[in-house]
């Protein structure tokens, strides 16, 4: 099982991406995110790249233990469904009403 470690931010995203792509190329498409304590938008980009690589192999990337912050970021970028996180981000599915000034 592929594990991105405890942190997946812009500081280590390139290395994590490269290592993960090598694992996906070998058929390892299960990702354990339970250890992730620090994430930023780079984590979403890495997961999307792994997803594309898995799909190119005719496989599906599966994620487990996704932290709430990562699920919310994926939802913010509109890719939570693509990554199979729509259910995990459900609390963010009903954003508060926005009041606009005109």
N, C-alpha and C. Protein backbone atom coordinates (compact mmCIF):
# COMPACT_ATOMS: atom_id res chain seq x y z
N UNK A 1 0.85 -1.18 0.00
CA UNK A 1 0.00 0.00 0.00
C UNK A 1 0.89 1.24 0.00
N UNK A 2 0.52 2.17 -0.81
CA UNK A 2 1.26 3.42 -0.96
C UNK A 2 0.90 4.37 0.18
N UNK A 3 1.91 5.00 0.79
CA UNK A 3 1.66 5.94 1.86
C UNK A 3 2.45 7.23 1.60
N UNK A 4 1.75 8.37 1.58
CA UNK A 4 2.45 9.63 1.34
C UNK A 4 3.21 10.18 2.55
N UNK A 5 3.17 9.48 3.68
CA UNK A 5 3.89 9.93 4.87
C UNK A 5 3.03 10.81 5.77
N UNK A 6 3.71 11.69 6.53
CA UNK A 6 2.99 12.52 7.49
C UNK A 6 2.74 13.93 6.97
N UNK A 7 3.46 14.30 5.91
CA UNK A 7 3.32 15.65 5.36
C UNK A 7 3.35 15.57 3.84
N UNK A 8 2.42 16.27 3.21
CA UNK A 8 2.41 16.36 1.75
C UNK A 8 2.08 17.80 1.40
N UNK A 9 3.15 18.58 1.27
CA UNK A 9 3.02 20.01 0.98
C UNK A 9 3.93 20.35 -0.20
N UNK A 10 3.94 21.61 -0.57
CA UNK A 10 4.77 22.03 -1.70
C UNK A 10 6.26 21.76 -1.45
N UNK A 11 6.65 21.61 -0.19
CA UNK A 11 8.06 21.38 0.13
C UNK A 11 8.54 19.98 -0.26
N UNK A 12 7.64 18.99 -0.24
CA UNK A 12 8.07 17.62 -0.56
C UNK A 12 7.23 16.98 -1.66
N UNK A 13 6.34 17.75 -2.28
CA UNK A 13 5.40 17.18 -3.25
C UNK A 13 6.10 16.53 -4.44
N UNK A 14 7.18 17.13 -4.94
CA UNK A 14 7.86 16.56 -6.12
C UNK A 14 8.40 15.17 -5.83
N UNK A 15 9.02 15.00 -4.67
CA UNK A 15 9.59 13.70 -4.31
C UNK A 15 8.49 12.67 -4.06
N UNK A 16 7.43 13.08 -3.35
CA UNK A 16 6.33 12.17 -3.06
C UNK A 16 5.63 11.77 -4.36
N UNK A 17 5.45 12.74 -5.25
CA UNK A 17 4.84 12.47 -6.56
C UNK A 17 5.65 11.43 -7.32
N UNK A 18 6.94 11.65 -7.43
CA UNK A 18 7.83 10.75 -8.17
C UNK A 18 7.80 9.33 -7.59
N UNK A 19 7.92 9.22 -6.28
CA UNK A 19 7.90 7.91 -5.64
C UNK A 19 6.56 7.21 -5.86
N UNK A 20 5.48 7.97 -5.72
CA UNK A 20 4.14 7.40 -5.90
C UNK A 20 3.88 6.96 -7.32
N UNK A 21 4.35 7.75 -8.30
CA UNK A 21 4.16 7.37 -9.70
C UNK A 21 4.88 6.06 -10.00
N UNK A 22 6.05 5.88 -9.41
CA UNK A 22 6.79 4.63 -9.61
C UNK A 22 6.01 3.46 -9.02
N UNK A 23 5.40 3.68 -7.86
CA UNK A 23 4.61 2.61 -7.22
C UNK A 23 3.35 2.30 -8.02
N UNK A 24 2.68 3.34 -8.52
CA UNK A 24 1.47 3.14 -9.33
C UNK A 24 1.83 2.38 -10.60
N UNK A 25 2.98 2.70 -11.19
CA UNK A 25 3.42 2.01 -12.41
C UNK A 25 3.63 0.51 -12.16
N UNK A 26 3.87 0.16 -10.89
CA UNK A 26 4.03 -1.25 -10.52
C UNK A 26 2.71 -1.89 -10.11
N UNK A 27 1.63 -1.09 -10.18
CA UNK A 27 0.31 -1.61 -9.86
C UNK A 27 -0.18 -1.34 -8.45
N UNK A 28 0.58 -0.57 -7.68
CA UNK A 28 0.18 -0.24 -6.31
C UNK A 28 -0.74 0.98 -6.36
N UNK A 29 -2.05 0.75 -6.33
CA UNK A 29 -3.01 1.85 -6.48
C UNK A 29 -3.84 2.10 -5.22
N UNK A 30 -3.47 1.48 -4.11
CA UNK A 30 -4.14 1.74 -2.84
C UNK A 30 -3.28 2.71 -2.04
N UNK A 31 -3.89 3.80 -1.59
CA UNK A 31 -3.16 4.85 -0.89
C UNK A 31 -3.70 4.98 0.53
N UNK A 32 -2.80 4.88 1.51
CA UNK A 32 -3.16 5.03 2.92
C UNK A 32 -2.75 6.42 3.37
N UNK A 33 -3.74 7.28 3.59
CA UNK A 33 -3.49 8.67 3.97
C UNK A 33 -3.62 8.90 5.47
N UNK A 34 -3.75 7.84 6.26
CA UNK A 34 -4.02 8.00 7.69
C UNK A 34 -2.92 8.75 8.42
N UNK A 35 -1.69 8.70 7.95
CA UNK A 35 -0.60 9.37 8.64
C UNK A 35 -0.46 10.84 8.28
N UNK A 36 -1.18 11.30 7.28
CA UNK A 36 -1.04 12.69 6.84
C UNK A 36 -1.54 13.67 7.89
N UNK A 37 -0.63 14.49 8.38
CA UNK A 37 -1.00 15.52 9.36
C UNK A 37 -0.92 16.91 8.76
N UNK A 38 -0.07 17.08 7.74
CA UNK A 38 0.09 18.38 7.09
C UNK A 38 -0.15 18.23 5.60
N UNK A 39 -1.10 19.01 5.07
CA UNK A 39 -1.38 19.00 3.63
C UNK A 39 -1.63 20.42 3.15
N UNK A 40 -1.39 20.63 1.86
CA UNK A 40 -1.81 21.86 1.21
C UNK A 40 -2.30 21.47 -0.18
N UNK A 41 -2.52 22.44 -1.03
CA UNK A 41 -3.08 22.13 -2.34
C UNK A 41 -2.17 21.21 -3.16
N UNK A 42 -0.89 21.16 -2.83
CA UNK A 42 0.03 20.25 -3.53
C UNK A 42 -0.40 18.79 -3.34
N UNK A 43 -0.97 18.48 -2.19
CA UNK A 43 -1.42 17.11 -1.93
C UNK A 43 -2.52 16.72 -2.91
N UNK A 44 -3.42 17.64 -3.20
CA UNK A 44 -4.49 17.37 -4.17
C UNK A 44 -3.88 17.11 -5.55
N UNK A 45 -2.90 17.93 -5.93
CA UNK A 45 -2.24 17.77 -7.23
C UNK A 45 -1.55 16.41 -7.33
N UNK A 46 -0.89 15.99 -6.26
CA UNK A 46 -0.20 14.70 -6.26
C UNK A 46 -1.22 13.57 -6.41
N UNK A 47 -2.30 13.62 -5.66
CA UNK A 47 -3.32 12.57 -5.74
C UNK A 47 -3.94 12.52 -7.14
N UNK A 48 -4.15 13.68 -7.74
CA UNK A 48 -4.69 13.71 -9.11
C UNK A 48 -3.72 13.08 -10.10
N UNK A 49 -2.44 13.34 -9.94
CA UNK A 49 -1.44 12.75 -10.84
C UNK A 49 -1.40 11.24 -10.66
N UNK A 50 -1.47 10.77 -9.42
CA UNK A 50 -1.51 9.32 -9.17
C UNK A 50 -2.77 8.72 -9.77
N UNK A 51 -3.89 9.44 -9.63
CA UNK A 51 -5.16 8.98 -10.19
C UNK A 51 -5.05 8.82 -11.71
N UNK A 52 -4.52 9.84 -12.38
CA UNK A 52 -4.35 9.78 -13.84
C UNK A 52 -3.46 8.61 -14.23
N UNK A 53 -2.39 8.39 -13.48
CA UNK A 53 -1.47 7.29 -13.79
C UNK A 53 -2.17 5.94 -13.62
N UNK A 54 -2.99 5.82 -12.59
CA UNK A 54 -3.72 4.56 -12.35
C UNK A 54 -4.73 4.32 -13.47
N UNK A 55 -5.47 5.36 -13.85
CA UNK A 55 -6.45 5.24 -14.92
C UNK A 55 -5.77 4.85 -16.23
N UNK A 56 -4.60 5.40 -16.48
CA UNK A 56 -3.86 5.08 -17.70
C UNK A 56 -3.49 3.60 -17.74
N UNK A 57 -3.38 2.98 -16.56
CA UNK A 57 -3.09 1.55 -16.47
C UNK A 57 -4.38 0.71 -16.45
N UNK A 58 -5.51 1.38 -16.53
CA UNK A 58 -6.78 0.66 -16.46
C UNK A 58 -7.17 0.28 -15.05
N UNK A 59 -6.64 1.00 -14.07
CA UNK A 59 -6.93 0.72 -12.67
C UNK A 59 -7.56 1.94 -12.01
N UNK A 60 -8.04 1.75 -10.81
CA UNK A 60 -8.63 2.86 -10.06
C UNK A 60 -7.82 3.08 -8.79
N UNK A 61 -7.48 4.33 -8.52
CA UNK A 61 -6.78 4.69 -7.30
C UNK A 61 -7.79 4.65 -6.15
N UNK A 62 -7.43 4.01 -5.06
CA UNK A 62 -8.31 3.99 -3.89
C UNK A 62 -7.60 4.65 -2.73
N UNK A 63 -8.33 5.52 -2.04
CA UNK A 63 -7.78 6.26 -0.92
C UNK A 63 -8.47 5.85 0.36
N UNK A 64 -7.69 5.73 1.44
CA UNK A 64 -8.31 5.46 2.73
C UNK A 64 -7.65 6.33 3.79
N UNK A 65 -8.41 6.65 4.81
CA UNK A 65 -7.89 7.46 5.90
C UNK A 65 -7.58 8.90 5.51
N UNK A 66 -8.36 9.44 4.59
CA UNK A 66 -8.11 10.80 4.10
C UNK A 66 -8.48 11.82 5.18
N UNK A 67 -7.52 12.68 5.56
CA UNK A 67 -7.85 13.68 6.58
C UNK A 67 -8.88 14.68 6.06
N UNK A 68 -9.66 15.21 6.97
CA UNK A 68 -10.72 16.15 6.63
C UNK A 68 -10.21 17.32 5.81
N UNK A 69 -9.06 17.87 6.19
CA UNK A 69 -8.52 19.04 5.47
C UNK A 69 -8.25 18.70 4.01
N UNK A 70 -7.73 17.52 3.74
CA UNK A 70 -7.44 17.11 2.37
C UNK A 70 -8.73 16.90 1.58
N UNK A 71 -9.72 16.28 2.21
CA UNK A 71 -11.02 16.09 1.55
C UNK A 71 -11.66 17.43 1.24
N UNK A 72 -11.54 18.39 2.16
CA UNK A 72 -12.12 19.71 1.94
C UNK A 72 -11.40 20.45 0.82
N UNK A 73 -10.07 20.32 0.75
CA UNK A 73 -9.33 20.95 -0.35
C UNK A 73 -9.76 20.35 -1.69
N UNK A 74 -9.90 19.03 -1.74
CA UNK A 74 -10.35 18.39 -2.98
C UNK A 74 -11.74 18.89 -3.36
N UNK A 75 -12.60 19.07 -2.38
CA UNK A 75 -13.93 19.60 -2.64
C UNK A 75 -13.88 21.03 -3.14
N UNK A 76 -13.00 21.82 -2.56
CA UNK A 76 -12.84 23.21 -2.97
C UNK A 76 -12.44 23.30 -4.45
N UNK A 77 -11.59 22.39 -4.88
CA UNK A 77 -11.14 22.38 -6.28
C UNK A 77 -12.07 21.58 -7.19
N UNK A 78 -13.13 21.00 -6.61
CA UNK A 78 -14.12 20.29 -7.41
C UNK A 78 -13.66 18.93 -7.91
N UNK A 79 -12.67 18.33 -7.24
CA UNK A 79 -12.16 17.03 -7.68
C UNK A 79 -12.40 15.93 -6.64
N UNK A 80 -13.21 16.22 -5.63
CA UNK A 80 -13.47 15.22 -4.59
C UNK A 80 -14.18 14.00 -5.17
N UNK A 81 -15.11 14.19 -6.08
CA UNK A 81 -15.79 13.06 -6.70
C UNK A 81 -14.85 12.24 -7.55
N UNK A 82 -13.97 12.90 -8.27
CA UNK A 82 -13.01 12.23 -9.12
C UNK A 82 -12.08 11.34 -8.29
N UNK A 83 -11.73 11.82 -7.10
CA UNK A 83 -10.83 11.07 -6.23
C UNK A 83 -11.59 10.12 -5.30
N UNK A 84 -12.91 10.07 -5.43
CA UNK A 84 -13.69 9.19 -4.57
C UNK A 84 -13.85 9.72 -3.16
N UNK A 85 -13.77 11.02 -3.00
CA UNK A 85 -13.84 11.62 -1.68
C UNK A 85 -15.13 12.37 -1.41
N UNK A 86 -16.07 12.31 -2.33
CA UNK A 86 -17.30 13.08 -2.17
C UNK A 86 -17.99 12.78 -0.85
N UNK A 87 -18.02 11.52 -0.44
CA UNK A 87 -18.66 11.15 0.83
C UNK A 87 -17.85 11.66 2.01
N UNK A 88 -16.51 11.63 1.89
CA UNK A 88 -15.65 12.08 2.98
C UNK A 88 -15.78 13.58 3.21
N UNK A 89 -16.06 14.30 2.14
CA UNK A 89 -16.16 15.76 2.24
C UNK A 89 -17.60 16.21 2.43
N UNK A 90 -18.49 15.28 2.74
CA UNK A 90 -19.91 15.59 2.86
C UNK A 90 -20.21 16.77 3.77
N UNK A 91 -19.52 16.92 4.93
CA UNK A 91 -19.85 18.07 5.76
C UNK A 91 -19.61 19.39 5.02
N UNK A 92 -18.69 19.41 4.08
CA UNK A 92 -18.41 20.64 3.33
C UNK A 92 -19.32 20.76 2.11
N UNK A 93 -20.16 19.76 1.88
CA UNK A 93 -21.01 19.75 0.69
C UNK A 93 -22.09 20.83 0.76
N UNK A 94 -22.45 21.24 1.96
CA UNK A 94 -23.45 22.28 2.12
C UNK A 94 -22.79 23.52 2.71
N UNK A 95 -22.11 24.30 1.86
CA UNK A 95 -21.42 25.48 2.39
C UNK A 95 -22.41 26.48 2.94
N UNK A 96 -21.96 27.31 3.86
CA UNK A 96 -22.87 28.32 4.40
C UNK A 96 -23.28 29.29 3.30
N UNK A 97 -24.43 29.92 3.52
CA UNK A 97 -24.91 30.87 2.52
C UNK A 97 -23.96 32.05 2.42
N UNK A 98 -23.76 32.51 1.21
CA UNK A 98 -22.92 33.68 1.00
C UNK A 98 -23.82 34.88 0.78
N UNK A 99 -23.50 35.95 1.44
CA UNK A 99 -24.26 37.19 1.28
C UNK A 99 -23.43 38.13 0.45
N UNK A 100 -23.97 38.51 -0.69
CA UNK A 100 -23.24 39.38 -1.59
C UNK A 100 -23.78 40.80 -1.51
N UNK A 101 -22.89 41.75 -1.54
CA UNK A 101 -23.31 43.14 -1.59
C UNK A 101 -23.45 43.54 -3.05
N UNK A 102 -24.50 44.26 -3.36
CA UNK A 102 -24.71 44.71 -4.75
C UNK A 102 -24.68 46.21 -4.82
